[in-house]
């Protein structure tokens, strides 16, 4: 699935740092955090992180940027247009290797932490006669925004299910918020979304329609065999009307930086994630998944030396 480089751009800026009225150079250096669409967890989590940086990291303020998510975020890190970025593990791995979507362009990225798992949510509503990914044949389906990790995993899951994304579905490329609205309007039958649970846009659909989540766990083996050992199966729930667990593909999320980041800054940012974990959990429950035991597990990426210093210190205490 080699494609030309995505068109990279920062679509909207959320100023999430504290005390920005009349901001100037005396407030210190500004960090840019590449997140995702405004209806997703990356955006909310990133906004919370930007606020904590502004409040607790002396000499720095931060902004959380709306982007198309993982693929674009890795290009933003490569170009130095963003200082930190959220990215799916499989997309980040492709980026540092220069493989698949990145078509030979290796991104000099390292990770600060493994944050939480993204769940591959394939959503529709009752009455559509859709109970499996195979049932999407001939249907109008959004595979996520162009340049997003959702798009990457959606195409791979469709292929694992024996469907050609270019011919077997009415393929659309919408963000999660746009997808939800299109389902409500009857313009879309189903959509893929790779994100934390709950995602606010999907919650909105569940409260206005009878939400159906499709199982995807049966494709984990094929995904591991073809793309790497990133994938797991996890029970999804957490939405109104979804009473029984649904087994879906899970992919870890990493917080990544350019390898050129100053080690002291990387150390302070990693420490901030843990010191302000409770505040981040208040912003979104996905932050609860950050754990000292698993955060350094970012293979095949390398830990940034500043982050490694933090974890080494914690291991000695």
C-alpha atoms as a PDB file:
ATOM      1  CA  UNK A   1       0.000   0.000   0.000  1.00  0.00           C
ATOM      2  CA  UNK A   2       2.538   2.570  -1.139  1.00  0.00           C
ATOM      3  CA  UNK A   3       1.119   6.027  -1.577  1.00  0.00           C
ATOM      4  CA  UNK A   4       2.555   9.455  -2.323  1.00  0.00           C
ATOM      5  CA  UNK A   5       3.491  11.568   0.636  1.00  0.00           C
ATOM      6  CA  UNK A   6       0.461  12.973   2.411  1.00  0.00           C
ATOM      7  CA  UNK A   7      -0.299  16.663   2.156  1.00  0.00           C
ATOM      8  CA  UNK A   8       0.828  17.855   5.555  1.00  0.00           C
ATOM      9  CA  UNK A   9      -0.773  20.838   7.188  1.00  0.00           C
ATOM     10  CA  UNK A  10      -1.917  22.090  10.549  1.00  0.00           C
ATOM     11  CA  UNK A  11      -5.644  22.535  10.132  1.00  0.00           C
ATOM     12  CA  UNK A  12      -6.729  24.251  13.334  1.00  0.00           C
ATOM     13  CA  UNK A  13      -4.852  25.396  16.415  1.00  0.00           C
ATOM     14  CA  UNK A  14      -6.172  24.917  19.940  1.00  0.00           C
ATOM     15  CA  UNK A  15      -4.260  27.166  22.327  1.00  0.00           C
ATOM     16  CA  UNK A  16      -4.247  25.041  25.445  1.00  0.00           C
ATOM     17  CA  UNK A  17      -1.453  26.554  27.468  1.00  0.00           C
ATOM     18  CA  UNK A  18      -2.228  28.498  30.581  1.00  0.00           C
ATOM     19  CA  UNK A  19      -2.097  32.297  30.734  1.00  0.00           C
ATOM     20  CA  UNK A  20      -1.723  33.125  27.057  1.00  0.00           C
ATOM     21  CA  UNK A  21      -3.343  36.560  27.106  1.00  0.00           C
ATOM     22  CA  UNK A  22      -0.841  39.012  25.694  1.00  0.00           C
ATOM     23  CA  UNK A  23       1.747  36.279  25.357  1.00  0.00           C
ATOM     24  CA  UNK A  24       5.238  37.259  24.325  1.00  0.00           C
ATOM     25  CA  UNK A  25       8.767  36.007  24.230  1.00  0.00           C
ATOM     26  CA  UNK A  26       9.103  36.413  27.990  1.00  0.00           C
ATOM     27  CA  UNK A  27       6.819  33.423  28.421  1.00  0.00           C
ATOM     28  CA  UNK A  28       9.445  31.137  26.943  1.00  0.00           C
ATOM     29  CA  UNK A  29       9.655  28.700  24.098  1.00  0.00           C
ATOM     30  CA  UNK A  30       6.470  27.356  22.532  1.00  0.00           C
ATOM     31  CA  UNK A  31       6.110  23.659  21.783  1.00  0.00           C
ATOM     32  CA  UNK A  32       3.755  22.325  19.118  1.00  0.00           C
ATOM     33  CA  UNK A  33       1.920  19.055  19.803  1.00  0.00           C
ATOM     34  CA  UNK A  34       0.529  17.245  16.731  1.00  0.00           C
ATOM     35  CA  UNK A  35      -2.666  15.443  17.737  1.00  0.00           C
ATOM     36  CA  UNK A  36      -5.535  14.385  15.447  1.00  0.00           C
ATOM     37  CA  UNK A  37      -9.104  15.304  14.607  1.00  0.00           C
ATOM     38  CA  UNK A  38     -11.149  17.400  17.014  1.00  0.00           C
ATOM     39  CA  UNK A  39     -13.525  14.494  17.728  1.00  0.00           C
ATOM     40  CA  UNK A  40     -10.779  12.105  18.803  1.00  0.00           C
ATOM     41  CA  UNK A  41      -8.768  11.243  21.896  1.00  0.00           C
ATOM     42  CA  UNK A  42      -5.438  12.553  20.558  1.00  0.00           C
ATOM     43  CA  UNK A  43      -6.863  16.081  20.409  1.00  0.00           C
ATOM     44  CA  UNK A  44      -8.292  15.978  23.939  1.00  0.00           C
ATOM     45  CA  UNK A  45      -5.220  14.291  25.444  1.00  0.00           C
ATOM     46  CA  UNK A  46      -2.914  16.658  23.572  1.00  0.00           C
ATOM     47  CA  UNK A  47      -4.850  19.685  24.797  1.00  0.00           C
ATOM     48  CA  UNK A  48      -4.487  18.461  28.361  1.00  0.00           C
ATOM     49  CA  UNK A  49      -0.775  17.866  27.874  1.00  0.00           C
ATOM     50  CA  UNK A  50      -0.323  21.359  26.420  1.00  0.00           C
ATOM     51  CA  UNK A  51      -2.039  22.843  29.462  1.00  0.00           C
ATOM     52  CA  UNK A  52       0.187  20.905  31.857  1.00  0.00           C
ATOM     53  CA  UNK A  53       3.298  22.011  29.975  1.00  0.00           C
ATOM     54  CA  UNK A  54       2.221  25.635  30.281  1.00  0.00           C
ATOM     55  CA  UNK A  55       1.527  25.274  33.996  1.00  0.00           C
ATOM     56  CA  UNK A  56       4.398  23.067  35.139  1.00  0.00           C
ATOM     57  CA  UNK A  57       7.291  23.144  32.649  1.00  0.00           C
ATOM     58  CA  UNK A  58       9.224  26.307  33.381  1.00  0.00           C
ATOM     59  CA  UNK A  59      10.272  28.199  30.277  1.00  0.00           C
ATOM     60  CA  UNK A  60       7.752  26.559  27.954  1.00  0.00           C
ATOM     61  CA  UNK A  61       4.232  27.002  26.644  1.00  0.00           C
ATOM     62  CA  UNK A  62       2.496  24.629  24.255  1.00  0.00           C
ATOM     63  CA  UNK A  63      -0.245  24.395  21.670  1.00  0.00           C
ATOM     64  CA  UNK A  64      -2.150  21.299  20.585  1.00  0.00           C
ATOM     65  CA  UNK A  65      -2.668  21.203  16.823  1.00  0.00           C
ATOM     66  CA  UNK A  66      -5.521  19.522  14.969  1.00  0.00           C
ATOM     67  CA  UNK A  67      -4.025  17.303  12.237  1.00  0.00           C
ATOM     68  CA  UNK A  68      -4.992  14.276  10.166  1.00  0.00           C
ATOM     69  CA  UNK A  69      -3.267  12.160  12.862  1.00  0.00           C
ATOM     70  CA  UNK A  70      -0.555   9.507  12.756  1.00  0.00           C
ATOM     71  CA  UNK A  71       0.861   9.625   9.218  1.00  0.00           C
ATOM     72  CA  UNK A  72       0.814  13.400   8.969  1.00  0.00           C
ATOM     73  CA  UNK A  73       2.111  13.665  12.526  1.00  0.00           C
ATOM     74  CA  UNK A  74       5.221  11.695  11.670  1.00  0.00           C
ATOM     75  CA  UNK A  75       5.906  13.996   8.720  1.00  0.00           C
ATOM     76  CA  UNK A  76       5.429  17.009  10.999  1.00  0.00           C
ATOM     77  CA  UNK A  77       8.047  15.560  13.354  1.00  0.00           C
ATOM     78  CA  UNK A  78      10.393  14.936  10.415  1.00  0.00           C
ATOM     79  CA  UNK A  79       9.994  18.494   9.145  1.00  0.00           C
ATOM     80  CA  UNK A  80      10.394  20.069  12.578  1.00  0.00           C
ATOM     81  CA  UNK A  81       6.930  21.627  12.341  1.00  0.00           C
ATOM     82  CA  UNK A  82       5.837  19.838  15.518  1.00  0.00           C
ATOM     83  CA  UNK A  83       7.887  19.066  18.625  1.00  0.00           C
ATOM     84  CA  UNK A  84       5.763  16.217  19.984  1.00  0.00           C
ATOM     85  CA  UNK A  85       3.247  13.987  18.243  1.00  0.00           C
ATOM     86  CA  UNK A  86       0.810  11.207  18.958  1.00  0.00           C
ATOM     87  CA  UNK A  87       1.186   8.236  16.600  1.00  0.00           C
ATOM     88  CA  UNK A  88       0.099   4.637  16.273  1.00  0.00           C
ATOM     89  CA  UNK A  89       2.902   2.127  16.772  1.00  0.00           C
ATOM     90  CA  UNK A  90       2.573   0.561  13.320  1.00  0.00           C
ATOM     91  CA  UNK A  91       2.575   3.954  11.579  1.00  0.00           C
ATOM     92  CA  UNK A  92       5.544   5.133  13.677  1.00  0.00           C
ATOM     93  CA  UNK A  93       7.415   1.932  12.807  1.00  0.00           C
ATOM     94  CA  UNK A  94       6.823   2.500   9.089  1.00  0.00           C
ATOM     95  CA  UNK A  95       8.021   6.086   9.515  1.00  0.00           C
ATOM     96  CA  UNK A  96      11.373   5.254  11.113  1.00  0.00           C
ATOM     97  CA  UNK A  97      11.974   2.459   8.605  1.00  0.00           C
ATOM     98  CA  UNK A  98      10.834   4.537   5.633  1.00  0.00           C
ATOM     99  CA  UNK A  99       8.569   1.671   4.597  1.00  0.00           C
ATOM    100  CA  UNK A 100       5.110   1.309   3.100  1.00  0.00           C
ATOM    101  CA  UNK A 101       3.273   4.659   3.368  1.00  0.00           C
ATOM    102  CA  UNK A 102       6.563   6.571   3.812  1.00  0.00           C
ATOM    103  CA  UNK A 103       8.056   5.179   0.587  1.00  0.00           C
ATOM    104  CA  UNK A 104      11.745   5.307   1.508  1.00  0.00           C
ATOM    105  CA  UNK A 105      11.670   8.503   3.568  1.00  0.00           C
ATOM    106  CA  UNK A 106      12.970   7.612   7.021  1.00  0.00           C
ATOM    107  CA  UNK A 107      11.698   9.829   9.839  1.00  0.00           C
ATOM    108  CA  UNK A 108      14.298  10.525  12.583  1.00  0.00           C
ATOM    109  CA  UNK A 109      11.838   9.879  15.411  1.00  0.00           C
ATOM    110  CA  UNK A 110      12.211   8.450  18.895  1.00  0.00           C
ATOM    111  CA  UNK A 111       9.604   7.871  21.569  1.00  0.00           C
ATOM    112  CA  UNK A 112       9.039   9.312  25.015  1.00  0.00           C
ATOM    113  CA  UNK A 113       6.384   6.821  26.081  1.00  0.00           C
ATOM    114  CA  UNK A 114       3.857   4.210  25.145  1.00  0.00           C
ATOM    115  CA  UNK A 115       0.609   5.859  26.240  1.00  0.00           C
ATOM    116  CA  UNK A 116      -2.445   3.639  25.708  1.00  0.00           C
ATOM    117  CA  UNK A 117      -3.982   1.329  23.110  1.00  0.00           C
ATOM    118  CA  UNK A 118      -6.045   2.500  20.175  1.00  0.00           C
ATOM    119  CA  UNK A 119      -9.004   0.279  19.475  1.00  0.00           C
ATOM    120  CA  UNK A 120     -10.000  -0.306  15.861  1.00  0.00           C
ATOM    121  CA  UNK A 121     -13.665   0.580  16.028  1.00  0.00           C
ATOM    122  CA  UNK A 122     -15.803  -0.284  13.005  1.00  0.00           C
ATOM    123  CA  UNK A 123     -19.108   1.394  13.713  1.00  0.00           C
ATOM    124  CA  UNK A 124     -22.531   1.214  12.133  1.00  0.00           C
ATOM    125  CA  UNK A 125     -26.097   1.371  13.409  1.00  0.00           C
ATOM    126  CA  UNK A 126     -28.859  -1.183  13.791  1.00  0.00           C
ATOM    127  CA  UNK A 127     -31.102  -1.672  10.810  1.00  0.00           C
ATOM    128  CA  UNK A 128     -28.285  -1.684   8.248  1.00  0.00           C
ATOM    129  CA  UNK A 129     -27.926  -5.465   8.170  1.00  0.00           C
ATOM    130  CA  UNK A 130     -24.201  -5.202   8.898  1.00  0.00           C
ATOM    131  CA  UNK A 131     -22.791  -7.654  11.420  1.00  0.00           C
ATOM    132  CA  UNK A 132     -19.226  -8.197  10.188  1.00  0.00           C
ATOM    133  CA  UNK A 133     -16.494  -6.469   8.204  1.00  0.00           C
ATOM    134  CA  UNK A 134     -17.318  -8.806   5.296  1.00  0.00           C
ATOM    135  CA  UNK A 135     -20.831  -7.334   5.271  1.00  0.00           C
ATOM    136  CA  UNK A 136     -19.342  -3.976   4.251  1.00  0.00           C
ATOM    137  CA  UNK A 137     -19.085  -5.176   0.649  1.00  0.00           C
ATOM    138  CA  UNK A 138     -21.068  -2.788  -1.533  1.00  0.00           C
ATOM    139  CA  UNK A 139     -21.638  -0.334   1.344  1.00  0.00           C
ATOM    140  CA  UNK A 140     -20.621   3.299   1.787  1.00  0.00           C
ATOM    141  CA  UNK A 141     -17.731   3.183   4.259  1.00  0.00           C
ATOM    142  CA  UNK A 142     -15.370   5.840   5.600  1.00  0.00           C
ATOM    143  CA  UNK A 143     -11.824   4.618   6.180  1.00  0.00           C
ATOM    144  CA  UNK A 144     -10.728   7.732   8.080  1.00  0.00           C
ATOM    145  CA  UNK A 145      -9.095  11.017   7.171  1.00  0.00           C
ATOM    146  CA  UNK A 146      -6.361  11.009   4.516  1.00  0.00           C
ATOM    147  CA  UNK A 147      -2.990  10.722   6.235  1.00  0.00           C
ATOM    148  CA  UNK A 148      -4.384   9.180   9.402  1.00  0.00           C
ATOM    149  CA  UNK A 149      -3.457   6.006  11.246  1.00  0.00           C
ATOM    150  CA  UNK A 150      -7.137   5.096  11.031  1.00  0.00           C
ATOM    151  CA  UNK A 151      -6.877   5.006   7.242  1.00  0.00           C
ATOM    152  CA  UNK A 152      -3.817   2.749   7.396  1.00  0.00           C
ATOM    153  CA  UNK A 153      -5.368   0.182   9.742  1.00  0.00           C
ATOM    154  CA  UNK A 154      -8.759   0.365   7.990  1.00  0.00           C
ATOM    155  CA  UNK A 155      -7.259  -0.556   4.626  1.00  0.00           C
ATOM    156  CA  UNK A 156      -5.265  -3.378   6.194  1.00  0.00           C
ATOM    157  CA  UNK A 157      -8.309  -4.792   8.028  1.00  0.00           C
ATOM    158  CA  UNK A 158     -10.416  -4.640   4.861  1.00  0.00           C
ATOM    159  CA  UNK A 159      -7.713  -6.495   2.947  1.00  0.00           C
ATOM    160  CA  UNK A 160      -7.441  -9.087   5.738  1.00  0.00           C
ATOM    161  CA  UNK A 161     -11.206  -9.583   5.422  1.00  0.00           C
ATOM    162  CA  UNK A 162     -10.850 -10.267   1.705  1.00  0.00           C
ATOM    163  CA  UNK A 163     -12.212  -6.908   0.524  1.00  0.00           C
ATOM    164  CA  UNK A 164     -10.594  -4.594  -1.998  1.00  0.00           C
ATOM    165  CA  UNK A 165     -10.840  -1.079  -0.498  1.00  0.00           C
ATOM    166  CA  UNK A 166     -10.830   0.476  -3.958  1.00  0.00           C
ATOM    167  CA  UNK A 167     -13.554  -1.656  -5.527  1.00  0.00           C
ATOM    168  CA  UNK A 168     -15.592  -3.563  -2.938  1.00  0.00           C
ATOM    169  CA  UNK A 169     -16.816  -0.585  -0.893  1.00  0.00           C
ATOM    170  CA  UNK A 170     -18.014   2.931  -1.586  1.00  0.00           C
ATOM    171  CA  UNK A 171     -14.852   4.344  -0.032  1.00  0.00           C
ATOM    172  CA  UNK A 172     -14.929   7.717   1.685  1.00  0.00           C
ATOM    173  CA  UNK A 173     -12.225   9.487   3.696  1.00  0.00           C
ATOM    174  CA  UNK A 174     -13.824  11.309   6.609  1.00  0.00           C
ATOM    175  CA  UNK A 175     -12.742  12.162  10.115  1.00  0.00           C
ATOM    176  CA  UNK A 176     -14.623  10.608  12.986  1.00  0.00           C
ATOM    177  CA  UNK A 177     -16.861  13.639  13.567  1.00  0.00           C
ATOM    178  CA  UNK A 178     -17.745  13.886   9.880  1.00  0.00           C
ATOM    179  CA  UNK A 179     -18.361  10.133   9.750  1.00  0.00           C
ATOM    180  CA  UNK A 180     -20.792  10.253  12.655  1.00  0.00           C
ATOM    181  CA  UNK A 181     -22.737  13.075  11.031  1.00  0.00           C
ATOM    182  CA  UNK A 182     -22.822  11.234   7.703  1.00  0.00           C
ATOM    183  CA  UNK A 183     -24.248   8.116   9.389  1.00  0.00           C
ATOM    184  CA  UNK A 184     -26.889  10.243  11.083  1.00  0.00           C
ATOM    185  CA  UNK A 185     -27.772  11.832   7.742  1.00  0.00           C
ATOM    186  CA  UNK A 186     -28.022   8.462   5.999  1.00  0.00           C
ATOM    187  CA  UNK A 187     -25.106   9.282   3.686  1.00  0.00           C
ATOM    188  CA  UNK A 188     -22.795   6.615   5.146  1.00  0.00           C
ATOM    189  CA  UNK A 189     -23.361   3.017   6.229  1.00  0.00           C
ATOM    190  CA  UNK A 190     -20.315   2.470   8.442  1.00  0.00           C
ATOM    191  CA  UNK A 191     -16.946   3.926   9.384  1.00  0.00           C
ATOM    192  CA  UNK A 192     -13.585   2.958  10.777  1.00  0.00           C
ATOM    193  CA  UNK A 193     -12.092   4.786  13.731  1.00  0.00           C
ATOM    194  CA  UNK A 194      -8.856   3.949  15.511  1.00  0.00           C
ATOM    195  CA  UNK A 195      -8.917   5.633  18.887  1.00  0.00           C
ATOM    196  CA  UNK A 196      -9.388   5.331  22.601  1.00  0.00           C
ATOM    197  CA  UNK A 197     -12.653   4.402  24.255  1.00  0.00           C
ATOM    198  CA  UNK A 198     -14.752   6.328  24.779  1.00  0.00           C
ATOM    199  CA  UNK A 199     -14.329   8.664  21.809  1.00  0.00           C
ATOM    200  CA  UNK A 200     -16.678  11.618  22.139  1.00  0.00           C
ATOM    201  CA  UNK A 201     -17.886  11.558  18.536  1.00  0.00           C
ATOM    202  CA  UNK A 202     -18.771   7.850  18.755  1.00  0.00           C
ATOM    203  CA  UNK A 203     -20.457   8.492  22.105  1.00  0.00           C
ATOM    204  CA  UNK A 204     -22.572  11.107  20.343  1.00  0.00           C
ATOM    205  CA  UNK A 205     -23.694   8.528  17.773  1.00  0.00           C
ATOM    206  CA  UNK A 206     -24.449   5.968  20.484  1.00  0.00           C
ATOM    207  CA  UNK A 207     -26.712   8.392  22.339  1.00  0.00           C
ATOM    208  CA  UNK A 208     -28.744   9.265  19.211  1.00  0.00           C
ATOM    209  CA  UNK A 209     -28.817   5.920  17.333  1.00  0.00           C
ATOM    210  CA  UNK A 210     -28.464   2.223  18.201  1.00  0.00           C
ATOM    211  CA  UNK A 211     -24.718   1.798  17.794  1.00  0.00           C
ATOM    212  CA  UNK A 212     -23.231  -1.460  16.481  1.00  0.00           C
ATOM    213  CA  UNK A 213     -19.493  -2.206  16.778  1.00  0.00           C
ATOM    214  CA  UNK A 214     -18.127  -4.916  14.482  1.00  0.00           C
ATOM    215  CA  UNK A 215     -15.596  -7.489  15.756  1.00  0.00           C
ATOM    216  CA  UNK A 216     -12.127  -7.332  14.194  1.00  0.00           C
ATOM    217  CA  UNK A 217     -10.137  -9.674  16.436  1.00  0.00           C
ATOM    218  CA  UNK A 218     -10.168 -12.427  13.800  1.00  0.00           C
ATOM    219  CA  UNK A 219      -7.710 -10.391  11.715  1.00  0.00           C
ATOM    220  CA  UNK A 220      -5.025  -9.996  14.394  1.00  0.00           C
ATOM    221  CA  UNK A 221      -3.054 -13.010  13.175  1.00  0.00           C
ATOM    222  CA  UNK A 222      -2.927 -11.791   9.575  1.00  0.00           C
ATOM    223  CA  UNK A 223      -1.939  -8.288  10.658  1.00  0.00           C
ATOM    224  CA  UNK A 224       0.891  -9.581  12.837  1.00  0.00           C
ATOM    225  CA  UNK A 225       2.150 -11.849  10.083  1.00  0.00           C
ATOM    226  CA  UNK A 226       2.215  -9.121   7.452  1.00  0.00           C
ATOM    227  CA  UNK A 227       2.923  -5.891   9.326  1.00  0.00           C
ATOM    228  CA  UNK A 228       4.594  -6.696  12.639  1.00  0.00           C
ATOM    229  CA  UNK A 229       3.946  -7.767  16.188  1.00  0.00           C
ATOM    230  CA  UNK A 230       2.094  -4.626  17.302  1.00  0.00           C
ATOM    231  CA  UNK A 231      -1.425  -5.957  17.403  1.00  0.00           C
ATOM    232  CA  UNK A 232      -3.549  -7.480  20.126  1.00  0.00           C
ATOM    233  CA  UNK A 233      -7.217  -8.214  20.653  1.00  0.00           C
ATOM    234  CA  UNK A 234      -9.092  -6.278  23.313  1.00  0.00           C
ATOM    235  CA  UNK A 235     -12.698  -6.100  24.430  1.00  0.00           C
ATOM    236  CA  UNK A 236     -14.351  -2.849  23.375  1.00  0.00           C
ATOM    237  CA  UNK A 237     -17.318  -1.345  25.144  1.00  0.00           C
ATOM    238  CA  UNK A 238     -17.881   1.879  26.968  1.00  0.00           C
ATOM    239  CA  UNK A 239     -20.702   3.157  24.790  1.00  0.00           C
ATOM    240  CA  UNK A 240     -24.383   3.416  25.504  1.00  0.00           C
ATOM    241  CA  UNK A 241     -26.244   0.407  24.119  1.00  0.00           C
ATOM    242  CA  UNK A 242     -23.095  -1.703  23.603  1.00  0.00           C
ATOM    243  CA  UNK A 243     -23.791  -4.122  26.408  1.00  0.00           C
ATOM    244  CA  UNK A 244     -21.680  -7.145  25.426  1.00  0.00           C
ATOM    245  CA  UNK A 245     -17.910  -6.885  24.894  1.00  0.00           C
ATOM    246  CA  UNK A 246     -16.783  -6.746  21.259  1.00  0.00           C
ATOM    247  CA  UNK A 247     -13.308  -8.078  20.487  1.00  0.00           C
ATOM    248  CA  UNK A 248     -11.342  -5.681  18.294  1.00  0.00           C
ATOM    249  CA  UNK A 249      -7.810  -5.033  17.033  1.00  0.00           C
ATOM    250  CA  UNK A 250      -5.744  -2.934  19.426  1.00  0.00           C
ATOM    251  CA  UNK A 251      -2.612  -0.949  18.487  1.00  0.00           C
ATOM    252  CA  UNK A 252      -0.406   0.952  20.987  1.00  0.00           C
ATOM    253  CA  UNK A 253      -0.021   4.723  20.812  1.00  0.00           C
ATOM    254  CA  UNK A 254       3.350   6.386  21.252  1.00  0.00           C
ATOM    255  CA  UNK A 255       4.274   9.960  22.106  1.00  0.00           C
ATOM    256  CA  UNK A 256       7.102  10.706  19.680  1.00  0.00           C
ATOM    257  CA  UNK A 257       9.676  13.443  19.136  1.00  0.00           C
ATOM    258  CA  UNK A 258      12.498  14.111  16.710  1.00  0.00           C
ATOM    259  CA  UNK A 259      15.724  12.447  17.836  1.00  0.00           C
ATOM    260  CA  UNK A 260      17.337  15.924  17.800  1.00  0.00           C
ATOM    261  CA  UNK A 261      15.249  17.069  20.795  1.00  0.00           C
ATOM    262  CA  UNK A 262      17.409  18.285  23.692  1.00  0.00           C
ATOM    263  CA  UNK A 263      17.781  15.363  26.151  1.00  0.00           C
ATOM    264  CA  UNK A 264      17.006  17.585  29.142  1.00  0.00           C
ATOM    265  CA  UNK A 265      13.719  18.696  27.563  1.00  0.00           C
ATOM    266  CA  UNK A 266      12.818  15.104  26.694  1.00  0.00           C
ATOM    267  CA  UNK A 267      13.543  14.094  30.293  1.00  0.00           C
ATOM    268  CA  UNK A 268      11.366  16.888  31.689  1.00  0.00           C
ATOM    269  CA  UNK A 269       8.499  16.081  29.313  1.00  0.00           C
ATOM    270  CA  UNK A 270       8.582  12.388  30.225  1.00  0.00           C
ATOM    271  CA  UNK A 271       8.643  13.230  33.926  1.00  0.00           C
ATOM    272  CA  UNK A 272       5.725  15.622  33.416  1.00  0.00           C
ATOM    273  CA  UNK A 273       3.582  12.836  31.932  1.00  0.00           C
ATOM    274  CA  UNK A 274       3.858  10.900  35.179  1.00  0.00           C
ATOM    275  CA  UNK A 275       3.910  13.795  37.627  1.00  0.00           C
ATOM    276  CA  UNK A 276       0.701  15.217  36.131  1.00  0.00           C
ATOM    277  CA  UNK A 277      -0.976  11.909  35.301  1.00  0.00           C
ATOM    278  CA  UNK A 278      -3.952  12.579  37.584  1.00  0.00           C
ATOM    279  CA  UNK A 279      -4.599  15.913  35.885  1.00  0.00           C
ATOM    280  CA  UNK A 280      -4.396  14.264  32.456  1.00  0.00           C
ATOM    281  CA  UNK A 281      -6.835  11.542  33.546  1.00  0.00           C
ATOM    282  CA  UNK A 282      -9.312  14.277  34.407  1.00  0.00           C
ATOM    283  CA  UNK A 283      -9.014  15.467  30.797  1.00  0.00           C
ATOM    284  CA  UNK A 284      -9.475  11.978  29.330  1.00  0.00           C
ATOM    285  CA  UNK A 285      -9.575   8.514  30.976  1.00  0.00           C
ATOM    286  CA  UNK A 286      -7.166   7.117  28.353  1.00  0.00           C
ATOM    287  CA  UNK A 287      -4.372   8.808  30.311  1.00  0.00           C
ATOM    288  CA  UNK A 288      -4.960   6.272  33.083  1.00  0.00           C
ATOM    289  CA  UNK A 289      -3.293   3.648  30.854  1.00  0.00           C
ATOM    290  CA  UNK A 290       0.121   5.287  31.180  1.00  0.00           C
ATOM    291  CA  UNK A 291       2.180   2.955  33.376  1.00  0.00           C
ATOM    292  CA  UNK A 292       5.870   2.914  34.309  1.00  0.00           C
ATOM    293  CA  UNK A 293       6.051  -0.775  33.477  1.00  0.00           C
ATOM    294  CA  UNK A 294       4.807  -0.482  29.902  1.00  0.00           C
ATOM    295  CA  UNK A 295       5.636   3.122  28.934  1.00  0.00           C
ATOM    296  CA  UNK A 296       9.247   2.306  27.887  1.00  0.00           C
ATOM    297  CA  UNK A 297       8.041  -0.522  25.600  1.00  0.00           C
ATOM    298  CA  UNK A 298       8.228   1.330  22.285  1.00  0.00           C
ATOM    299  CA  UNK A 299       9.882  -1.203  19.953  1.00  0.00           C
ATOM    300  CA  UNK A 300      10.794  -1.005  17.149  1.00  0.00           C
ATOM    301  CA  UNK A 301      11.316   2.686  17.924  1.00  0.00           C
ATOM    302  CA  UNK A 302      14.111   3.719  20.248  1.00  0.00           C
ATOM    303  CA  UNK A 303      13.500   5.595  23.452  1.00  0.00           C
ATOM    304  CA  UNK A 304      14.822   9.127  23.338  1.00  0.00           C
ATOM    305  CA  UNK A 305      17.892   9.296  25.631  1.00  0.00           C
ATOM    306  CA  UNK A 306      16.143  11.861  27.841  1.00  0.00           C
ATOM    307  CA  UNK A 307      13.165   9.548  28.322  1.00  0.00           C
ATOM    308  CA  UNK A 308      15.459   6.580  28.952  1.00  0.00           C
ATOM    309  CA  UNK A 309      17.189   8.564  31.704  1.00  0.00           C
ATOM    310  CA  UNK A 310      13.834   9.060  33.433  1.00  0.00           C
ATOM    311  CA  UNK A 311      12.879   5.375  33.271  1.00  0.00           C
ATOM    312  CA  UNK A 312      16.341   4.300  34.445  1.00  0.00           C
ATOM    313  CA  UNK A 313      15.997   6.593  37.469  1.00  0.00           C
ATOM    314  CA  UNK A 314      12.590   5.181  38.297  1.00  0.00           C
ATOM    315  CA  UNK A 315      13.871   1.629  38.050  1.00  0.00           C
ATOM    316  CA  UNK A 316      16.418   2.402  40.794  1.00  0.00           C
ATOM    317  CA  UNK A 317      13.875   3.785  43.257  1.00  0.00           C
END
